[in-house]
Amino acid sequence: MAKKNALYKGTLQNIILKLLAQEVKMYGYQLTQRAKELTQGELEMTEGALYPLLHKLEGDGIIYSELQNVNGRDRKYYLLTEKGKGLQQEKETEMRSYLFNLKAIFDL
């Protein structure tokens, strides 16, 4: 993750969960590009930050992966489990509250 993205580091899990909730299933590169697109280039997830987190989320039963053959290449798609869907909603509520409170402070 680039230096300018240090503030995003603690929220990377929430970002991934939200993107998967919106798109249903995505592969790693697609996650990085969608985050970059939505933030107008501000958030650049590196493979070194993304893939260990995806593996941890999968190990924790929050997401699962499925291989799909696309143009002769296997592509690993990630999807939320039921546990992951519940966690995503919980984390989104927490994040919205956090952002609301930060805005109150920084709008002084």
N, C-alpha and C. Protein backbone atom coordinates (compact mmCIF):
# COMPACT_ATOMS: atom_id res chain seq x y z
N MET A 1 0.85 -1.17 0.00
CA MET A 1 0.00 0.00 0.00
C MET A 1 0.90 1.24 0.00
N ALA A 2 0.65 2.15 -0.87
CA ALA A 2 1.46 3.35 -1.00
C ALA A 2 1.40 4.19 0.27
N LYS A 3 2.44 4.99 0.50
CA LYS A 3 2.54 5.80 1.72
C LYS A 3 1.31 6.70 1.91
N LYS A 4 0.81 7.30 0.84
CA LYS A 4 -0.34 8.20 0.98
C LYS A 4 -1.60 7.46 1.43
N ASN A 5 -1.55 6.15 1.37
CA ASN A 5 -2.72 5.35 1.74
C ASN A 5 -2.66 4.82 3.16
N ALA A 6 -1.77 5.36 3.99
CA ALA A 6 -1.61 4.85 5.35
C ALA A 6 -2.92 4.87 6.14
N LEU A 7 -3.74 5.89 5.95
CA LEU A 7 -5.02 5.97 6.67
C LEU A 7 -5.98 4.86 6.23
N TYR A 8 -5.83 4.39 5.00
CA TYR A 8 -6.72 3.34 4.50
C TYR A 8 -6.37 1.97 5.06
N LYS A 9 -5.12 1.81 5.51
CA LYS A 9 -4.64 0.49 5.90
C LYS A 9 -5.54 -0.19 6.93
N GLY A 10 -5.96 0.55 7.94
CA GLY A 10 -6.81 -0.02 8.98
C GLY A 10 -8.23 -0.31 8.52
N THR A 11 -8.60 0.18 7.36
CA THR A 11 -9.96 -0.02 6.86
C THR A 11 -10.01 -0.93 5.64
N LEU A 12 -8.87 -1.50 5.28
CA LEU A 12 -8.81 -2.32 4.07
C LEU A 12 -9.80 -3.48 4.11
N GLN A 13 -9.91 -4.13 5.27
CA GLN A 13 -10.87 -5.24 5.39
C GLN A 13 -12.28 -4.75 5.11
N ASN A 14 -12.65 -3.61 5.69
CA ASN A 14 -13.99 -3.07 5.47
C ASN A 14 -14.22 -2.72 4.01
N ILE A 15 -13.20 -2.20 3.35
CA ILE A 15 -13.30 -1.84 1.94
C ILE A 15 -13.55 -3.09 1.10
N ILE A 16 -12.79 -4.14 1.36
CA ILE A 16 -12.95 -5.40 0.62
C ILE A 16 -14.34 -5.97 0.84
N LEU A 17 -14.78 -6.00 2.08
CA LEU A 17 -16.11 -6.55 2.38
C LEU A 17 -17.21 -5.75 1.68
N LYS A 18 -17.09 -4.43 1.67
CA LYS A 18 -18.09 -3.59 1.01
C LYS A 18 -18.11 -3.84 -0.50
N LEU A 19 -16.93 -3.91 -1.10
CA LEU A 19 -16.87 -4.16 -2.55
C LEU A 19 -17.49 -5.51 -2.90
N LEU A 20 -17.19 -6.52 -2.09
CA LEU A 20 -17.76 -7.85 -2.36
C LEU A 20 -19.28 -7.86 -2.13
N ALA A 21 -19.75 -7.08 -1.17
CA ALA A 21 -21.19 -6.99 -0.94
C ALA A 21 -21.89 -6.34 -2.13
N GLN A 22 -21.23 -5.36 -2.74
CA GLN A 22 -21.80 -4.65 -3.89
C GLN A 22 -21.75 -5.47 -5.17
N GLU A 23 -20.62 -6.11 -5.40
CA GLU A 23 -20.38 -6.76 -6.69
C GLU A 23 -20.66 -8.26 -6.69
N VAL A 24 -20.91 -8.84 -5.54
CA VAL A 24 -21.17 -10.27 -5.32
C VAL A 24 -19.88 -11.09 -5.40
N LYS A 25 -19.18 -11.06 -6.53
CA LYS A 25 -17.91 -11.79 -6.60
C LYS A 25 -16.91 -10.99 -7.43
N MET A 26 -15.66 -11.01 -6.96
CA MET A 26 -14.61 -10.27 -7.64
C MET A 26 -13.30 -11.03 -7.48
N TYR A 27 -12.39 -10.84 -8.42
CA TYR A 27 -11.05 -11.40 -8.27
C TYR A 27 -10.13 -10.28 -7.78
N GLY A 28 -8.96 -10.66 -7.32
CA GLY A 28 -8.07 -9.72 -6.65
C GLY A 28 -7.78 -8.45 -7.42
N TYR A 29 -7.34 -8.58 -8.66
CA TYR A 29 -7.01 -7.39 -9.46
C TYR A 29 -8.24 -6.50 -9.62
N GLN A 30 -9.39 -7.12 -9.79
CA GLN A 30 -10.65 -6.38 -9.93
C GLN A 30 -10.94 -5.56 -8.68
N LEU A 31 -10.67 -6.13 -7.50
CA LEU A 31 -10.85 -5.40 -6.24
C LEU A 31 -9.96 -4.16 -6.21
N THR A 32 -8.69 -4.33 -6.60
CA THR A 32 -7.76 -3.19 -6.56
C THR A 32 -8.19 -2.10 -7.52
N GLN A 33 -8.63 -2.48 -8.70
CA GLN A 33 -9.01 -1.50 -9.71
C GLN A 33 -10.31 -0.79 -9.35
N ARG A 34 -11.25 -1.51 -8.77
CA ARG A 34 -12.53 -0.89 -8.38
C ARG A 34 -12.31 0.12 -7.26
N ALA A 35 -11.47 -0.23 -6.29
CA ALA A 35 -11.15 0.70 -5.19
C ALA A 35 -10.46 1.94 -5.75
N LYS A 36 -9.55 1.73 -6.67
CA LYS A 36 -8.83 2.85 -7.28
C LYS A 36 -9.80 3.75 -8.05
N GLU A 37 -10.69 3.13 -8.79
CA GLU A 37 -11.69 3.87 -9.59
C GLU A 37 -12.62 4.68 -8.69
N LEU A 38 -13.14 4.06 -7.64
CA LEU A 38 -14.08 4.73 -6.75
C LEU A 38 -13.45 5.89 -5.99
N THR A 39 -12.13 5.81 -5.74
CA THR A 39 -11.44 6.86 -4.99
C THR A 39 -10.66 7.79 -5.91
N GLN A 40 -10.95 7.71 -7.19
CA GLN A 40 -10.28 8.55 -8.20
C GLN A 40 -8.77 8.48 -8.07
N GLY A 41 -8.27 7.25 -7.87
CA GLY A 41 -6.84 7.01 -7.83
C GLY A 41 -6.19 7.18 -6.48
N GLU A 42 -6.94 7.59 -5.47
CA GLU A 42 -6.35 7.82 -4.15
C GLU A 42 -5.96 6.53 -3.44
N LEU A 43 -6.76 5.48 -3.59
CA LEU A 43 -6.48 4.22 -2.91
C LEU A 43 -5.88 3.23 -3.91
N GLU A 44 -4.63 2.91 -3.70
CA GLU A 44 -3.95 1.92 -4.54
C GLU A 44 -3.56 0.75 -3.66
N MET A 45 -4.35 -0.31 -3.69
CA MET A 45 -4.05 -1.51 -2.92
C MET A 45 -2.94 -2.28 -3.61
N THR A 46 -1.94 -2.65 -2.85
CA THR A 46 -0.87 -3.48 -3.41
C THR A 46 -1.22 -4.95 -3.22
N GLU A 47 -0.61 -5.79 -4.03
CA GLU A 47 -0.82 -7.22 -3.87
C GLU A 47 -0.35 -7.67 -2.49
N GLY A 48 0.72 -7.04 -2.00
CA GLY A 48 1.28 -7.39 -0.70
C GLY A 48 0.35 -7.10 0.46
N ALA A 49 -0.56 -6.16 0.28
CA ALA A 49 -1.55 -5.84 1.31
C ALA A 49 -2.84 -6.64 1.08
N LEU A 50 -3.22 -6.80 -0.18
CA LEU A 50 -4.49 -7.41 -0.51
C LEU A 50 -4.53 -8.93 -0.28
N TYR A 51 -3.59 -9.65 -0.89
CA TYR A 51 -3.70 -11.11 -0.88
C TYR A 51 -3.55 -11.75 0.50
N PRO A 52 -2.65 -11.26 1.36
CA PRO A 52 -2.62 -11.84 2.72
C PRO A 52 -3.95 -11.62 3.45
N LEU A 53 -4.58 -10.48 3.23
CA LEU A 53 -5.86 -10.21 3.87
C LEU A 53 -6.96 -11.10 3.29
N LEU A 54 -6.97 -11.29 1.99
CA LEU A 54 -7.95 -12.20 1.38
C LEU A 54 -7.78 -13.61 1.94
N HIS A 55 -6.53 -14.07 2.08
CA HIS A 55 -6.28 -15.42 2.61
C HIS A 55 -6.73 -15.52 4.07
N LYS A 56 -6.52 -14.46 4.84
CA LYS A 56 -6.96 -14.45 6.24
C LYS A 56 -8.48 -14.49 6.32
N LEU A 57 -9.14 -13.66 5.51
CA LEU A 57 -10.61 -13.63 5.51
C LEU A 57 -11.17 -14.99 5.10
N GLU A 58 -10.51 -15.63 4.15
CA GLU A 58 -10.97 -16.95 3.71
C GLU A 58 -10.75 -17.98 4.84
N GLY A 59 -9.61 -17.91 5.49
CA GLY A 59 -9.32 -18.81 6.60
C GLY A 59 -10.28 -18.63 7.76
N ASP A 60 -10.77 -17.41 7.94
CA ASP A 60 -11.71 -17.10 9.03
C ASP A 60 -13.17 -17.39 8.65
N GLY A 61 -13.40 -17.87 7.42
CA GLY A 61 -14.75 -18.20 6.99
C GLY A 61 -15.61 -17.00 6.65
N ILE A 62 -14.96 -15.86 6.37
CA ILE A 62 -15.69 -14.63 6.05
C ILE A 62 -15.94 -14.52 4.55
N ILE A 63 -15.00 -15.03 3.78
CA ILE A 63 -15.16 -15.11 2.33
C ILE A 63 -14.79 -16.53 1.90
N TYR A 64 -15.17 -16.87 0.69
CA TYR A 64 -14.70 -18.11 0.09
C TYR A 64 -14.32 -17.81 -1.35
N SER A 65 -13.57 -18.72 -1.93
CA SER A 65 -13.13 -18.49 -3.30
C SER A 65 -13.61 -19.62 -4.19
N GLU A 66 -13.73 -19.29 -5.46
CA GLU A 66 -14.05 -20.31 -6.46
C GLU A 66 -13.23 -20.01 -7.70
N LEU A 67 -12.71 -21.07 -8.28
CA LEU A 67 -11.93 -20.92 -9.51
C LEU A 67 -12.87 -20.94 -10.70
N GLN A 68 -12.58 -20.06 -11.64
CA GLN A 68 -13.37 -20.01 -12.85
C GLN A 68 -12.38 -19.89 -14.01
N ASN A 69 -12.59 -20.66 -15.06
CA ASN A 69 -11.70 -20.59 -16.21
C ASN A 69 -12.17 -19.47 -17.13
N VAL A 70 -11.29 -18.50 -17.35
CA VAL A 70 -11.58 -17.36 -18.20
C VAL A 70 -10.51 -17.29 -19.28
N ASN A 71 -10.92 -17.48 -20.52
CA ASN A 71 -9.99 -17.45 -21.65
C ASN A 71 -8.79 -18.38 -21.45
N GLY A 72 -9.07 -19.59 -20.94
CA GLY A 72 -8.03 -20.59 -20.77
C GLY A 72 -7.18 -20.42 -19.52
N ARG A 73 -7.50 -19.43 -18.69
CA ARG A 73 -6.76 -19.21 -17.45
C ARG A 73 -7.70 -19.34 -16.27
N ASP A 74 -7.21 -19.96 -15.21
CA ASP A 74 -8.01 -20.03 -13.99
C ASP A 74 -7.95 -18.69 -13.28
N ARG A 75 -9.09 -18.21 -12.88
CA ARG A 75 -9.18 -16.96 -12.14
C ARG A 75 -9.90 -17.26 -10.83
N LYS A 76 -9.34 -16.77 -9.72
CA LYS A 76 -9.92 -17.01 -8.41
C LYS A 76 -10.83 -15.84 -8.03
N TYR A 77 -12.11 -16.13 -7.90
CA TYR A 77 -13.09 -15.14 -7.48
C TYR A 77 -13.36 -15.30 -6.00
N TYR A 78 -13.59 -14.17 -5.34
CA TYR A 78 -13.89 -14.17 -3.91
C TYR A 78 -15.33 -13.73 -3.71
N LEU A 79 -16.01 -14.38 -2.76
CA LEU A 79 -17.40 -14.10 -2.45
C LEU A 79 -17.58 -14.10 -0.94
N LEU A 80 -18.57 -13.36 -0.45
CA LEU A 80 -18.87 -13.35 0.98
C LEU A 80 -19.63 -14.61 1.37
N THR A 81 -19.29 -15.16 2.54
CA THR A 81 -20.10 -16.23 3.13
C THR A 81 -21.25 -15.55 3.87
N GLU A 82 -22.16 -16.35 4.41
CA GLU A 82 -23.24 -15.77 5.23
C GLU A 82 -22.65 -15.03 6.42
N LYS A 83 -21.63 -15.63 7.04
CA LYS A 83 -20.93 -14.98 8.15
C LYS A 83 -20.34 -13.64 7.68
N GLY A 84 -19.76 -13.66 6.49
CA GLY A 84 -19.15 -12.46 5.92
C GLY A 84 -20.17 -11.37 5.63
N LYS A 85 -21.36 -11.77 5.18
CA LYS A 85 -22.42 -10.79 4.90
C LYS A 85 -22.84 -10.09 6.19
N GLY A 86 -22.97 -10.85 7.26
CA GLY A 86 -23.32 -10.26 8.54
C GLY A 86 -22.23 -9.34 9.06
N LEU A 87 -20.98 -9.78 8.93
CA LEU A 87 -19.85 -8.97 9.37
C LEU A 87 -19.75 -7.69 8.55
N GLN A 88 -19.99 -7.79 7.26
CA GLN A 88 -19.93 -6.60 6.40
C GLN A 88 -20.94 -5.56 6.85
N GLN A 89 -22.16 -5.98 7.14
CA GLN A 89 -23.19 -5.04 7.59
C GLN A 89 -22.81 -4.40 8.93
N GLU A 90 -22.29 -5.22 9.83
CA GLU A 90 -21.86 -4.73 11.14
C GLU A 90 -20.72 -3.71 10.98
N LYS A 91 -19.72 -4.04 10.16
CA LYS A 91 -18.58 -3.15 9.96
C LYS A 91 -18.98 -1.87 9.23
N GLU A 92 -19.93 -1.97 8.32
CA GLU A 92 -20.39 -0.77 7.62
C GLU A 92 -21.08 0.18 8.59
N THR A 93 -21.88 -0.35 9.48
CA THR A 93 -22.54 0.48 10.49
C THR A 93 -21.49 1.17 11.37
N GLU A 94 -20.49 0.42 11.80
CA GLU A 94 -19.40 0.99 12.61
C GLU A 94 -18.67 2.09 11.83
N MET A 95 -18.38 1.81 10.57
CA MET A 95 -17.63 2.76 9.75
C MET A 95 -18.42 4.04 9.52
N ARG A 96 -19.71 3.91 9.27
CA ARG A 96 -20.54 5.11 9.07
C ARG A 96 -20.56 5.97 10.34
N SER A 97 -20.64 5.35 11.49
CA SER A 97 -20.60 6.08 12.76
C SER A 97 -19.24 6.76 12.94
N TYR A 98 -18.19 6.04 12.65
CA TYR A 98 -16.84 6.57 12.74
C TYR A 98 -16.66 7.79 11.84
N LEU A 99 -17.11 7.68 10.59
CA LEU A 99 -16.99 8.78 9.64
C LEU A 99 -17.83 9.98 10.07
N PHE A 100 -19.02 9.71 10.58
CA PHE A 100 -19.89 10.78 11.08
C PHE A 100 -19.19 11.55 12.20
N ASN A 101 -18.58 10.82 13.12
CA ASN A 101 -17.89 11.45 14.24
C ASN A 101 -16.63 12.20 13.81
N LEU A 102 -15.88 11.63 12.86
CA LEU A 102 -14.71 12.35 12.33
C LEU A 102 -15.13 13.64 11.65
N LYS A 103 -16.20 13.58 10.89
CA LYS A 103 -16.70 14.78 10.21
C LYS A 103 -17.07 15.85 11.23
N ALA A 104 -17.72 15.44 12.33
CA ALA A 104 -18.09 16.40 13.37
C ALA A 104 -16.85 17.09 13.93
N ILE A 105 -15.78 16.35 14.12
CA ILE A 105 -14.56 16.91 14.66
C ILE A 105 -13.84 17.81 13.64
N PHE A 106 -13.71 17.35 12.43
CA PHE A 106 -12.96 18.09 11.43
C PHE A 106 -13.74 19.25 10.80
N ASP A 107 -15.03 19.29 11.04
CA ASP A 107 -15.82 20.42 10.54
C ASP A 107 -15.86 21.59 11.52
N LEU A 108 -15.10 21.48 12.62
CA LEU A 108 -15.04 22.57 13.61
C LEU A 108 -14.48 23.83 12.99
